[in-house]
């Protein structure tokens, strides 16, 4: 992937991460939150965070000191 594709993917991942954050907040605020669904959303959010970090690492060149 070139830098433009990585940047586009990064923006997509960040949007999905924000959406999941909003969904987790809304689900947690309900009277009887579904704990299984909440755990799944949180797990997905962590995977997205890892993928975001991976994309960011691809954009930043390694500099050997």
Protein backbone atom coordinates (compact mmCIF):
# COMPACT_ATOMS: atom_id res chain seq x y z
CA UNK A 1 0.00 0.00 0.00
CA UNK A 2 1.18 3.49 -0.70
CA UNK A 3 0.91 6.40 1.75
CA UNK A 4 -2.40 7.68 0.34
CA UNK A 5 -4.05 4.29 0.79
CA UNK A 6 -2.67 3.97 4.31
CA UNK A 7 -3.95 7.44 5.21
CA UNK A 8 -7.41 6.61 3.81
CA UNK A 9 -7.48 3.32 5.75
CA UNK A 10 -6.31 5.13 8.89
CA UNK A 11 -9.15 7.64 8.63
CA UNK A 12 -11.65 4.82 8.12
CA UNK A 13 -10.33 2.98 11.18
CA UNK A 14 -10.43 6.12 13.33
CA UNK A 15 -14.04 6.76 12.31
CA UNK A 16 -15.02 3.21 13.18
CA UNK A 17 -13.15 3.52 16.50
CA UNK A 18 -15.12 6.68 17.38
CA UNK A 19 -18.39 5.01 16.39
CA UNK A 20 -17.61 2.01 18.60
CA UNK A 21 -16.79 4.34 21.47
CA UNK A 22 -20.20 5.99 21.10
CA UNK A 23 -21.92 2.59 20.88
CA UNK A 24 -20.14 1.35 24.01
CA UNK A 25 -21.14 4.48 25.90
CA UNK A 26 -24.76 4.19 24.79
CA UNK A 27 -24.95 0.48 25.61
CA UNK A 28 -23.35 1.02 29.01
CA UNK A 29 -25.84 3.77 29.85
CA UNK A 30 -28.88 1.55 29.29
CA UNK A 31 -30.80 0.18 32.26
CA UNK A 32 -29.65 -3.41 31.73
CA UNK A 33 -26.60 -3.42 29.48
CA UNK A 34 -25.85 -6.62 27.56
CA UNK A 35 -22.48 -7.54 29.07
CA UNK A 36 -21.58 -9.97 26.29
CA UNK A 37 -22.27 -7.41 23.57
CA UNK A 38 -20.39 -4.78 25.55
CA UNK A 39 -17.35 -7.07 25.85
CA UNK A 40 -17.44 -7.81 22.11
CA UNK A 41 -17.55 -4.11 21.24
CA UNK A 42 -14.66 -3.36 23.58
CA UNK A 43 -12.62 -6.20 22.08
CA UNK A 44 -13.30 -4.90 18.57
CA UNK A 45 -12.28 -1.41 19.69
CA UNK A 46 -8.95 -2.75 20.99
CA UNK A 47 -8.31 -4.56 17.69
CA UNK A 48 -8.99 -1.33 15.83
CA UNK A 49 -6.58 0.54 18.08
CA UNK A 50 -3.88 -2.01 17.28
CA UNK A 51 -4.57 -1.73 13.55
CA UNK A 52 -4.46 2.08 13.79
CA UNK A 53 -1.08 1.87 15.49
CA UNK A 54 0.15 -0.49 12.77
CA UNK A 55 -0.92 1.91 10.02
CA UNK A 56 0.70 4.83 11.81
CA UNK A 57 3.93 2.83 12.09
CA UNK A 58 3.88 2.25 8.34
CA UNK A 59 3.68 5.99 7.72
CA UNK A 60 6.58 6.84 10.04
CA UNK A 61 9.90 5.63 8.65
CA UNK A 62 12.26 3.76 10.92
CA UNK A 63 15.26 5.88 11.83
CA UNK A 64 18.23 3.97 13.11
CA UNK A 65 20.25 6.16 15.46
